[in-house]
Amino acid sequence: MFSLGVDIGGSHIACCAFDHTSKKLLKETFSYEKVDPHGAKDEILNTWLLALINSIMLLGKPITGVGLAMPGPFDYYRGISQIKEVDKLQSLYNVNLRSELAQSLNMLPSQIRFINDASAFSIAEASLGKASAYKRIVAITLGTGLGASFAVNGMPVLKDKRVPDSGYLYNQYYKNILADELFSTRGIIEAYREVTGEQITNVKELYDKVAIDNQAKLVFENFGNRLGDFIKPYLEEFGTEALVLGGNISKAFDVFGDSLKTQLPNLDELYVSEFGEEAAIIGGALLLDEEYYDEIEFTLKLM
């Protein structure tokens, strides 16, 4: 059995066929397209379809459906975008993407499924990654924003007294500052600007400075300290055994990892995802496993 896993970002779509027998992505079917986050609805959907159809053609075999890992806010159960008042994909607000994609791909609406991108990441890690050895895991994505997912036995936990509402951390505060403003690309860029007066464009540029610029190194180390201090109470309350990191900022783990670990000494495991950007694709594809979908269906209604 094959399905198509999809990672939707504000400015890209990445998709790949997944073999449910071997539990592996068929990387020869990988397809990627850049997306204009400010484009009109039809422009964005046509770009998505270009990538989806390309992967399906590269597979050359029937698929059971398509599982899309999407940023929120989003009605994941019904497949309707709720994204507005942010700098991405606003033209899709209130669009029934399940219906639109099913019609364009000549599939049944039930064959098009959606999940939060951070949850998809945690599902992949808890099902097929090192975190599968643990019952309670937290997965965090560090990139343009702060994504988080709390999971027990591979199932995202959204409504529980031991986790923040919906499992979100981006909307929590650290020292009176919104976490999403600190633990993100813009947060790191701003931290470096504050200490040097220099404006950089992205995290990779800052990472490349570490060997020659002690201020860059200190910014990353401070990032690790503050991130650990911020998430520690949430991890302890949940009884977290393993913490998995993903997203572009995690590529600098060799610089901020030690300071983060110092803040979180009680974890059994703290590591960067081995799947990288493929994790969300895998998590999306797994939605087409009917047994798993039956278990997670109610959780999707709460997302």
C-alpha atoms as a PDB file:
ATOM      1  CA  MET A   1       0.000   0.000   0.000  1.00  0.00           C
ATOM      2  CA  PHE A   2       1.230   3.463  -0.912  1.00  0.00           C
ATOM      3  CA  SER A   3       0.173   6.937   0.160  1.00  0.00           C
ATOM      4  CA  LEU A   4       1.460  10.428  -0.453  1.00  0.00           C
ATOM      5  CA  GLY A   5       2.861  12.389   2.471  1.00  0.00           C
ATOM      6  CA  VAL A   6       2.957  16.175   2.176  1.00  0.00           C
ATOM      7  CA  ASP A   7       4.667  18.949   4.119  1.00  0.00           C
ATOM      8  CA  ILE A   8       3.026  22.327   3.555  1.00  0.00           C
ATOM      9  CA  GLY A   9       4.918  25.428   4.630  1.00  0.00           C
ATOM     10  CA  GLY A  10       4.186  29.089   4.152  1.00  0.00           C
ATOM     11  CA  SER A  11       6.539  29.243   1.176  1.00  0.00           C
ATOM     12  CA  HIS A  12       6.923  25.650  -0.015  1.00  0.00           C
ATOM     13  CA  ILE A  13       5.351  22.267  -0.599  1.00  0.00           C
ATOM     14  CA  ALA A  14       7.330  19.024  -0.314  1.00  0.00           C
ATOM     15  CA  CYS A  15       5.805  15.607  -0.958  1.00  0.00           C
ATOM     16  CA  CYS A  16       6.863  12.005  -1.358  1.00  0.00           C
ATOM     17  CA  ALA A  17       5.277   8.584  -1.711  1.00  0.00           C
ATOM     18  CA  PHE A  18       5.371   6.335   1.370  1.00  0.00           C
ATOM     19  CA  ASP A  19       5.431   2.528   1.352  1.00  0.00           C
ATOM     20  CA  HIS A  20       3.306   1.331   4.275  1.00  0.00           C
ATOM     21  CA  THR A  21       4.788  -2.166   4.078  1.00  0.00           C
ATOM     22  CA  SER A  22       8.437  -1.174   4.431  1.00  0.00           C
ATOM     23  CA  LYS A  23       7.556   1.999   6.426  1.00  0.00           C
ATOM     24  CA  LYS A  24       9.861   4.026   4.218  1.00  0.00           C
ATOM     25  CA  LEU A  25       9.648   7.020   1.928  1.00  0.00           C
ATOM     26  CA  LEU A  26      10.295   6.272  -1.726  1.00  0.00           C
ATOM     27  CA  LYS A  27      12.732   9.117  -2.222  1.00  0.00           C
ATOM     28  CA  GLU A  28      12.779   8.797  -5.976  1.00  0.00           C
ATOM     29  CA  THR A  29       9.221  10.208  -5.897  1.00  0.00           C
ATOM     30  CA  PHE A  30      10.163  13.330  -3.919  1.00  0.00           C
ATOM     31  CA  SER A  31       8.812  16.589  -5.318  1.00  0.00           C
ATOM     32  CA  TYR A  32       9.336  20.172  -4.135  1.00  0.00           C
ATOM     33  CA  GLU A  33       7.960  23.508  -5.240  1.00  0.00           C
ATOM     34  CA  LYS A  34       8.350  27.028  -3.905  1.00  0.00           C
ATOM     35  CA  VAL A  35       5.058  28.742  -3.090  1.00  0.00           C
ATOM     36  CA  ASP A  36       4.260  32.447  -3.058  1.00  0.00           C
ATOM     37  CA  PRO A  37       2.795  32.873   0.458  1.00  0.00           C
ATOM     38  CA  HIS A  38       0.947  35.983  -0.725  1.00  0.00           C
ATOM     39  CA  GLY A  39      -0.395  34.405  -3.903  1.00  0.00           C
ATOM     40  CA  ALA A  40      -4.055  34.102  -4.861  1.00  0.00           C
ATOM     41  CA  LYS A  41      -5.928  30.925  -3.944  1.00  0.00           C
ATOM     42  CA  ASP A  42      -5.737  29.370  -7.424  1.00  0.00           C
ATOM     43  CA  GLU A  43      -2.039  30.208  -7.747  1.00  0.00           C
ATOM     44  CA  ILE A  44      -1.189  28.453  -4.476  1.00  0.00           C
ATOM     45  CA  LEU A  45      -3.382  25.423  -5.201  1.00  0.00           C
ATOM     46  CA  ASN A  46      -1.991  25.043  -8.722  1.00  0.00           C
ATOM     47  CA  THR A  47       1.558  25.031  -7.323  1.00  0.00           C
ATOM     48  CA  TRP A  48       0.568  22.401  -4.757  1.00  0.00           C
ATOM     49  CA  LEU A  49      -1.031  20.268  -7.459  1.00  0.00           C
ATOM     50  CA  LEU A  50       2.078  20.523  -9.614  1.00  0.00           C
ATOM     51  CA  ALA A  51       4.121  18.887  -6.845  1.00  0.00           C
ATOM     52  CA  LEU A  52       1.456  16.333  -5.856  1.00  0.00           C
ATOM     53  CA  ILE A  53       0.819  15.135  -9.395  1.00  0.00           C
ATOM     54  CA  ASN A  54       4.546  14.924 -10.091  1.00  0.00           C
ATOM     55  CA  SER A  55       5.101  12.600  -7.104  1.00  0.00           C
ATOM     56  CA  ILE A  56       2.120  10.446  -8.073  1.00  0.00           C
ATOM     57  CA  MET A  57       3.429  10.141 -11.645  1.00  0.00           C
ATOM     58  CA  LEU A  58       6.928   9.283 -10.417  1.00  0.00           C
ATOM     59  CA  LEU A  59       5.448   6.489  -8.288  1.00  0.00           C
ATOM     60  CA  GLY A  60       3.484   5.121 -11.206  1.00  0.00           C
ATOM     61  CA  LYS A  61       1.211   3.099  -8.921  1.00  0.00           C
ATOM     62  CA  PRO A  62      -2.172   3.740  -7.271  1.00  0.00           C
ATOM     63  CA  ILE A  63      -2.153   5.514  -3.913  1.00  0.00           C
ATOM     64  CA  THR A  64      -4.679   5.149  -1.117  1.00  0.00           C
ATOM     65  CA  GLY A  65      -4.728   8.876  -0.463  1.00  0.00           C
ATOM     66  CA  VAL A  66      -2.869  12.019   0.510  1.00  0.00           C
ATOM     67  CA  GLY A  67      -1.921  13.098   4.042  1.00  0.00           C
ATOM     68  CA  LEU A  68      -0.990  16.759   4.434  1.00  0.00           C
ATOM     69  CA  ALA A  69       0.927  18.232   7.379  1.00  0.00           C
ATOM     70  CA  MET A  70      -0.231  21.845   7.651  1.00  0.00           C
ATOM     71  CA  PRO A  71       0.550  24.840   9.839  1.00  0.00           C
ATOM     72  CA  GLY A  72      -2.318  26.233  11.871  1.00  0.00           C
ATOM     73  CA  PRO A  73      -4.751  27.610  12.549  1.00  0.00           C
ATOM     74  CA  PHE A  74      -6.586  24.972  10.537  1.00  0.00           C
ATOM     75  CA  ASP A  75      -9.674  22.781  10.854  1.00  0.00           C
ATOM     76  CA  TYR A  76      -7.785  19.533  10.397  1.00  0.00           C
ATOM     77  CA  TYR A  77     -10.793  17.243  10.666  1.00  0.00           C
ATOM     78  CA  ARG A  78     -12.828  19.016   7.995  1.00  0.00           C
ATOM     79  CA  GLY A  79      -9.905  20.233   5.909  1.00  0.00           C
ATOM     80  CA  ILE A  80     -10.699  23.950   6.043  1.00  0.00           C
ATOM     81  CA  SER A  81      -7.980  26.587   6.384  1.00  0.00           C
ATOM     82  CA  GLN A  82      -8.383  29.100   9.212  1.00  0.00           C
ATOM     83  CA  ILE A  83      -5.137  30.946   8.465  1.00  0.00           C
ATOM     84  CA  LYS A  84      -5.591  34.718   8.568  1.00  0.00           C
ATOM     85  CA  GLU A  85      -3.879  37.822   9.897  1.00  0.00           C
ATOM     86  CA  VAL A  86      -0.469  36.237   9.389  1.00  0.00           C
ATOM     87  CA  ASP A  87       2.059  36.748   6.613  1.00  0.00           C
ATOM     88  CA  LYS A  88       1.271  33.544   4.720  1.00  0.00           C
ATOM     89  CA  LEU A  89      -1.466  31.701   2.809  1.00  0.00           C
ATOM     90  CA  GLN A  90      -4.191  34.187   3.753  1.00  0.00           C
ATOM     91  CA  SER A  91      -5.959  33.687   0.414  1.00  0.00           C
ATOM     92  CA  LEU A  92      -6.857  30.152   1.570  1.00  0.00           C
ATOM     93  CA  TYR A  93      -8.894  31.383   4.557  1.00  0.00           C
ATOM     94  CA  ASN A  94     -12.155  29.425   4.863  1.00  0.00           C
ATOM     95  CA  VAL A  95     -11.343  27.383   1.746  1.00  0.00           C
ATOM     96  CA  ASN A  96     -12.325  23.717   1.945  1.00  0.00           C
ATOM     97  CA  LEU A  97      -9.003  22.300   0.814  1.00  0.00           C
ATOM     98  CA  ARG A  98     -10.181  18.707   1.181  1.00  0.00           C
ATOM     99  CA  SER A  99     -12.880  19.299  -1.412  1.00  0.00           C
ATOM    100  CA  GLU A 100     -10.656  21.342  -3.738  1.00  0.00           C
ATOM    101  CA  LEU A 101      -7.803  18.811  -3.740  1.00  0.00           C
ATOM    102  CA  ALA A 102     -10.060  15.763  -3.985  1.00  0.00           C
ATOM    103  CA  GLN A 103     -11.757  17.199  -7.062  1.00  0.00           C
ATOM    104  CA  SER A 104      -8.488  18.164  -8.738  1.00  0.00           C
ATOM    105  CA  LEU A 105      -6.866  14.788  -7.998  1.00  0.00           C
ATOM    106  CA  ASN A 106      -9.992  12.803  -8.904  1.00  0.00           C
ATOM    107  CA  MET A 107     -10.145  11.286  -5.424  1.00  0.00           C
ATOM    108  CA  LEU A 108     -12.802  10.912  -2.775  1.00  0.00           C
ATOM    109  CA  PRO A 109     -12.768  13.603  -0.072  1.00  0.00           C
ATOM    110  CA  SER A 110     -12.111  10.851   2.494  1.00  0.00           C
ATOM    111  CA  GLN A 111      -8.796  10.144   0.751  1.00  0.00           C
ATOM    112  CA  ILE A 112      -7.496  13.650   1.575  1.00  0.00           C
ATOM    113  CA  ARG A 113      -6.465  14.001   5.235  1.00  0.00           C
ATOM    114  CA  PHE A 114      -4.828  16.768   7.265  1.00  0.00           C
ATOM    115  CA  ILE A 115      -2.834  17.088  10.469  1.00  0.00           C
ATOM    116  CA  ASN A 116      -0.906  19.789  12.300  1.00  0.00           C
ATOM    117  CA  ASP A 117       2.690  19.898  11.072  1.00  0.00           C
ATOM    118  CA  ALA A 118       4.235  19.698  14.558  1.00  0.00           C
ATOM    119  CA  SER A 119       1.976  16.738  15.383  1.00  0.00           C
ATOM    120  CA  ALA A 120       2.997  15.015  12.151  1.00  0.00           C
ATOM    121  CA  PHE A 121       6.623  15.488  13.161  1.00  0.00           C
ATOM    122  CA  SER A 122       6.038  13.900  16.572  1.00  0.00           C
ATOM    123  CA  ILE A 123       4.064  11.018  15.045  1.00  0.00           C
ATOM    124  CA  ALA A 124       6.928  10.152  12.698  1.00  0.00           C
ATOM    125  CA  GLU A 125       9.444  10.237  15.537  1.00  0.00           C
ATOM    126  CA  ALA A 126       7.263   8.284  17.964  1.00  0.00           C
ATOM    127  CA  SER A 127       6.365   5.675  15.347  1.00  0.00           C
ATOM    128  CA  LEU A 128       9.595   5.153  13.435  1.00  0.00           C
ATOM    129  CA  GLY A 129      12.349   7.184  15.140  1.00  0.00           C
ATOM    130  CA  LYS A 130      14.444   6.789  18.289  1.00  0.00           C
ATOM    131  CA  ALA A 131      11.584   8.223  20.336  1.00  0.00           C
ATOM    132  CA  SER A 132       9.601   5.021  19.678  1.00  0.00           C
ATOM    133  CA  ALA A 133      11.456   3.560  22.671  1.00  0.00           C
ATOM    134  CA  TYR A 134       9.676   6.006  24.996  1.00  0.00           C
ATOM    135  CA  LYS A 135       6.083   6.434  26.112  1.00  0.00           C
ATOM    136  CA  ARG A 136       6.001  10.202  26.647  1.00  0.00           C
ATOM    137  CA  ILE A 137       7.770  12.413  24.159  1.00  0.00           C
ATOM    138  CA  VAL A 138       7.724  16.063  23.186  1.00  0.00           C
ATOM    139  CA  ALA A 139       8.715  17.195  19.701  1.00  0.00           C
ATOM    140  CA  ILE A 140       9.644  20.813  19.035  1.00  0.00           C
ATOM    141  CA  THR A 141      10.235  22.484  15.690  1.00  0.00           C
ATOM    142  CA  LEU A 142      12.454  25.561  15.674  1.00  0.00           C
ATOM    143  CA  GLY A 143      12.165  27.662  12.549  1.00  0.00           C
ATOM    144  CA  THR A 144      10.063  30.595  11.391  1.00  0.00           C
ATOM    145  CA  GLY A 145       7.981  29.874  14.477  1.00  0.00           C
ATOM    146  CA  LEU A 146       7.933  27.564  17.491  1.00  0.00           C
ATOM    147  CA  GLY A 147       6.020  24.344  16.904  1.00  0.00           C
ATOM    148  CA  ALA A 148       5.362  21.753  19.607  1.00  0.00           C
ATOM    149  CA  SER A 149       3.621  18.446  20.059  1.00  0.00           C
ATOM    150  CA  PHE A 150       3.154  16.369  23.211  1.00  0.00           C
ATOM    151  CA  ALA A 151       2.590  12.669  22.541  1.00  0.00           C
ATOM    152  CA  VAL A 152       1.867   9.487  24.493  1.00  0.00           C
ATOM    153  CA  ASN A 153       2.527   6.196  22.698  1.00  0.00           C
ATOM    154  CA  GLY A 154       2.632   8.016  19.364  1.00  0.00           C
ATOM    155  CA  MET A 155      -0.676   9.799  19.888  1.00  0.00           C
ATOM    156  CA  PRO A 156      -0.698  13.626  20.125  1.00  0.00           C
ATOM    157  CA  VAL A 157      -2.161  14.923  23.394  1.00  0.00           C
ATOM    158  CA  LEU A 158      -4.151  18.154  23.048  1.00  0.00           C
ATOM    159  CA  LYS A 159      -6.553  18.263  25.963  1.00  0.00           C
ATOM    160  CA  ASP A 160      -4.976  17.261  29.246  1.00  0.00           C
ATOM    161  CA  LYS A 161      -4.224  19.059  32.492  1.00  0.00           C
ATOM    162  CA  ARG A 162      -0.554  18.140  32.007  1.00  0.00           C
ATOM    163  CA  VAL A 163      -0.134  19.962  28.671  1.00  0.00           C
ATOM    164  CA  PRO A 164      -0.844  23.543  27.549  1.00  0.00           C
ATOM    165  CA  ASP A 165      -4.040  24.027  25.545  1.00  0.00           C
ATOM    166  CA  SER A 166      -3.831  22.189  22.196  1.00  0.00           C
ATOM    167  CA  GLY A 167      -0.210  21.317  23.006  1.00  0.00           C
ATOM    168  CA  TYR A 168       0.878  24.765  21.806  1.00  0.00           C
ATOM    169  CA  LEU A 169       3.948  26.516  23.175  1.00  0.00           C
ATOM    170  CA  TYR A 170       4.282  29.333  20.657  1.00  0.00           C
ATOM    171  CA  ASN A 171       1.557  31.353  22.395  1.00  0.00           C
ATOM    172  CA  GLN A 172       3.013  30.978  25.898  1.00  0.00           C
ATOM    173  CA  TYR A 173       5.167  33.674  27.477  1.00  0.00           C
ATOM    174  CA  TYR A 174       8.744  33.629  28.714  1.00  0.00           C
ATOM    175  CA  LYS A 175       9.726  36.576  30.905  1.00  0.00           C
ATOM    176  CA  ASN A 176       6.770  38.562  29.516  1.00  0.00           C
ATOM    177  CA  ILE A 177       7.761  37.943  25.893  1.00  0.00           C
ATOM    178  CA  LEU A 178       5.766  35.737  23.529  1.00  0.00           C
ATOM    179  CA  ALA A 179       7.680  32.479  23.038  1.00  0.00           C
ATOM    180  CA  ASP A 180       7.207  32.598  19.265  1.00  0.00           C
ATOM    181  CA  GLU A 181       9.092  35.897  19.169  1.00  0.00           C
ATOM    182  CA  LEU A 182      12.088  34.465  21.042  1.00  0.00           C
ATOM    183  CA  PHE A 183      12.464  30.859  19.977  1.00  0.00           C
ATOM    184  CA  SER A 184      12.326  31.392  16.229  1.00  0.00           C
ATOM    185  CA  THR A 185      14.435  32.657  13.352  1.00  0.00           C
ATOM    186  CA  ARG A 186      13.388  36.255  13.958  1.00  0.00           C
ATOM    187  CA  GLY A 187      14.159  35.844  17.667  1.00  0.00           C
ATOM    188  CA  ILE A 188      17.743  34.757  17.023  1.00  0.00           C
ATOM    189  CA  ILE A 189      18.259  37.445  14.377  1.00  0.00           C
ATOM    190  CA  GLU A 190      16.996  40.096  16.777  1.00  0.00           C
ATOM    191  CA  ALA A 191      19.162  38.792  19.629  1.00  0.00           C
ATOM    192  CA  TYR A 192      22.271  39.155  17.466  1.00  0.00           C
ATOM    193  CA  ARG A 193      21.234  42.631  16.286  1.00  0.00           C
ATOM    194  CA  GLU A 194      20.759  43.745  19.888  1.00  0.00           C
ATOM    195  CA  VAL A 195      24.315  42.825  20.919  1.00  0.00           C
ATOM    196  CA  THR A 196      26.159  43.806  17.721  1.00  0.00           C
ATOM    197  CA  GLY A 197      23.955  46.256  15.849  1.00  0.00           C
ATOM    198  CA  GLU A 198      24.406  44.045  12.770  1.00  0.00           C
ATOM    199  CA  GLN A 199      21.396  42.870  10.757  1.00  0.00           C
ATOM    200  CA  ILE A 200      21.674  39.350   9.355  1.00  0.00           C
ATOM    201  CA  THR A 201      19.191  37.602   7.088  1.00  0.00           C
ATOM    202  CA  ASN A 202      18.914  34.060   8.442  1.00  0.00           C
ATOM    203  CA  VAL A 203      20.131  31.555  11.022  1.00  0.00           C
ATOM    204  CA  LYS A 204      22.593  29.887   8.657  1.00  0.00           C
ATOM    205  CA  GLU A 205      24.391  33.201   8.189  1.00  0.00           C
ATOM    206  CA  LEU A 206      24.738  33.492  11.955  1.00  0.00           C
ATOM    207  CA  TYR A 207      25.834  29.867  12.282  1.00  0.00           C
ATOM    208  CA  ASP A 208      28.575  30.441   9.705  1.00  0.00           C
ATOM    209  CA  LYS A 209      29.912  33.264  11.900  1.00  0.00           C
ATOM    210  CA  VAL A 210      30.347  31.122  15.024  1.00  0.00           C
ATOM    211  CA  ALA A 211      33.942  30.108  14.276  1.00  0.00           C
ATOM    212  CA  ILE A 212      35.108  33.721  13.904  1.00  0.00           C
ATOM    213  CA  ASP A 213      32.591  35.715  15.962  1.00  0.00           C
ATOM    214  CA  ASN A 214      32.288  35.016  19.688  1.00  0.00           C
ATOM    215  CA  GLN A 215      29.104  37.094  19.874  1.00  0.00           C
ATOM    216  CA  ALA A 216      27.426  34.730  17.421  1.00  0.00           C
ATOM    217  CA  LYS A 217      28.457  31.770  19.565  1.00  0.00           C
ATOM    218  CA  LEU A 218      27.101  33.468  22.695  1.00  0.00           C
ATOM    219  CA  VAL A 219      23.774  34.222  21.000  1.00  0.00           C
ATOM    220  CA  PHE A 220      23.286  30.524  20.239  1.00  0.00           C
ATOM    221  CA  GLU A 221      24.363  29.464  23.730  1.00  0.00           C
ATOM    222  CA  ASN A 222      21.987  31.966  25.284  1.00  0.00           C
ATOM    223  CA  PHE A 223      19.254  30.662  22.981  1.00  0.00           C
ATOM    224  CA  GLY A 224      19.802  27.148  24.346  1.00  0.00           C
ATOM    225  CA  ASN A 225      19.762  28.329  27.945  1.00  0.00           C
ATOM    226  CA  ARG A 226      16.585  30.334  27.546  1.00  0.00           C
ATOM    227  CA  LEU A 227      14.824  27.623  25.539  1.00  0.00           C
ATOM    228  CA  GLY A 228      15.630  25.040  28.194  1.00  0.00           C
ATOM    229  CA  ASP A 229      14.515  27.337  30.996  1.00  0.00           C
ATOM    230  CA  PHE A 230      11.256  28.024  29.133  1.00  0.00           C
ATOM    231  CA  ILE A 231      10.258  24.449  28.313  1.00  0.00           C
ATOM    232  CA  LYS A 232      11.519  22.767  31.490  1.00  0.00           C
ATOM    233  CA  PRO A 233       8.296  23.195  33.534  1.00  0.00           C
ATOM    234  CA  TYR A 234       6.150  21.944  30.635  1.00  0.00           C
ATOM    235  CA  LEU A 235       8.360  18.884  30.143  1.00  0.00           C
ATOM    236  CA  GLU A 236       8.387  18.085  33.857  1.00  0.00           C
ATOM    237  CA  GLU A 237       4.618  18.471  34.194  1.00  0.00           C
ATOM    238  CA  PHE A 238       4.099  16.082  31.266  1.00  0.00           C
ATOM    239  CA  GLY A 239       6.609  13.535  32.577  1.00  0.00           C
ATOM    240  CA  THR A 240       8.608  13.783  29.358  1.00  0.00           C
ATOM    241  CA  GLU A 241      11.144  11.045  28.701  1.00  0.00           C
ATOM    242  CA  ALA A 242      12.488  12.205  25.343  1.00  0.00           C
ATOM    243  CA  LEU A 243      12.695  15.578  23.611  1.00  0.00           C
ATOM    244  CA  VAL A 244      13.117  15.662  19.825  1.00  0.00           C
ATOM    245  CA  LEU A 245      14.119  18.785  17.932  1.00  0.00           C
ATOM    246  CA  GLY A 246      13.441  19.653  14.309  1.00  0.00           C
ATOM    247  CA  GLY A 247      13.353  22.717  12.078  1.00  0.00           C
ATOM    248  CA  ASN A 248      16.150  24.737  10.524  1.00  0.00           C
ATOM    249  CA  ILE A 249      17.466  26.128  13.812  1.00  0.00           C
ATOM    250  CA  SER A 250      18.092  22.588  15.073  1.00  0.00           C
ATOM    251  CA  LYS A 251      20.884  22.366  12.476  1.00  0.00           C
ATOM    252  CA  ALA A 252      22.890  24.567  14.855  1.00  0.00           C
ATOM    253  CA  PHE A 253      22.439  22.087  17.719  1.00  0.00           C
ATOM    254  CA  ASP A 254      26.189  21.580  17.997  1.00  0.00           C
ATOM    255  CA  VAL A 255      26.416  25.197  19.195  1.00  0.00           C
ATOM    256  CA  PHE A 256      23.368  25.520  21.477  1.00  0.00           C
ATOM    257  CA  GLY A 257      22.850  21.856  22.430  1.00  0.00           C
ATOM    258  CA  ASP A 258      25.106  21.769  25.484  1.00  0.00           C
ATOM    259  CA  SER A 259      23.469  24.815  27.076  1.00  0.00           C
ATOM    260  CA  LEU A 260      20.035  23.330  26.368  1.00  0.00           C
ATOM    261  CA  LYS A 261      21.001  19.984  27.929  1.00  0.00           C
ATOM    262  CA  THR A 262      22.316  21.757  31.018  1.00  0.00           C
ATOM    263  CA  GLN A 263      18.823  23.101  31.637  1.00  0.00           C
ATOM    264  CA  LEU A 264      17.181  19.697  31.074  1.00  0.00           C
ATOM    265  CA  PRO A 265      19.278  17.128  32.964  1.00  0.00           C
ATOM    266  CA  ASN A 266      16.410  14.733  33.742  1.00  0.00           C
ATOM    267  CA  LEU A 267      15.546  13.707  30.187  1.00  0.00           C
ATOM    268  CA  ASP A 268      16.386  10.170  29.082  1.00  0.00           C
ATOM    269  CA  GLU A 269      16.963  11.376  25.523  1.00  0.00           C
ATOM    270  CA  LEU A 270      17.440  14.762  23.823  1.00  0.00           C
ATOM    271  CA  TYR A 271      18.310  14.692  20.147  1.00  0.00           C
ATOM    272  CA  VAL A 272      17.796  16.230  16.724  1.00  0.00           C
ATOM    273  CA  SER A 273      15.432  14.330  14.454  1.00  0.00           C
ATOM    274  CA  GLU A 274      17.168  11.905  12.118  1.00  0.00           C
ATOM    275  CA  PHE A 275      14.340  12.406   9.625  1.00  0.00           C
ATOM    276  CA  GLY A 276      14.879  16.149   9.353  1.00  0.00           C
ATOM    277  CA  GLU A 277      12.428  17.759   6.959  1.00  0.00           C
ATOM    278  CA  GLU A 278      11.076  14.331   6.013  1.00  0.00           C
ATOM    279  CA  ALA A 279       9.426  13.854   9.426  1.00  0.00           C
ATOM    280  CA  ALA A 280       6.311  15.890   8.630  1.00  0.00           C
ATOM    281  CA  ILE A 281       5.949  14.078   5.286  1.00  0.00           C
ATOM    282  CA  ILE A 282       6.075  10.700   7.044  1.00  0.00           C
ATOM    283  CA  GLY A 283       3.603  11.841   9.700  1.00  0.00           C
ATOM    284  CA  GLY A 284       1.203  12.983   7.011  1.00  0.00           C
ATOM    285  CA  ALA A 285       1.488   9.730   5.048  1.00  0.00           C
ATOM    286  CA  LEU A 286       0.767   7.642   8.161  1.00  0.00           C
ATOM    287  CA  LEU A 287      -2.734   9.171   8.283  1.00  0.00           C
ATOM    288  CA  LEU A 288      -3.664   6.798   5.463  1.00  0.00           C
ATOM    289  CA  ASP A 289      -3.076   3.800   7.715  1.00  0.00           C
ATOM    290  CA  GLU A 290      -6.713   3.090   8.567  1.00  0.00           C
ATOM    291  CA  GLU A 291      -5.965   1.484  11.924  1.00  0.00           C
ATOM    292  CA  TYR A 292      -3.917   4.486  13.000  1.00  0.00           C
ATOM    293  CA  TYR A 293      -6.449   6.930  11.579  1.00  0.00           C
ATOM    294  CA  ASP A 294      -9.236   5.312  13.604  1.00  0.00           C
ATOM    295  CA  GLU A 295      -7.175   5.977  16.738  1.00  0.00           C
ATOM    296  CA  ILE A 296      -6.306   9.583  15.910  1.00  0.00           C
ATOM    297  CA  GLU A 297      -9.584  10.676  14.296  1.00  0.00           C
ATOM    298  CA  PHE A 298     -11.048  12.108  17.508  1.00  0.00           C
ATOM    299  CA  THR A 299      -7.786  13.955  18.249  1.00  0.00           C
ATOM    300  CA  LEU A 300      -7.964  15.605  14.823  1.00  0.00           C
ATOM    301  CA  LYS A 301     -11.319  17.088  15.802  1.00  0.00           C
ATOM    302  CA  LEU A 302      -9.610  18.830  18.719  1.00  0.00           C
ATOM    303  CA  MET A 303      -6.705  20.281  16.715  1.00  0.00           C
END
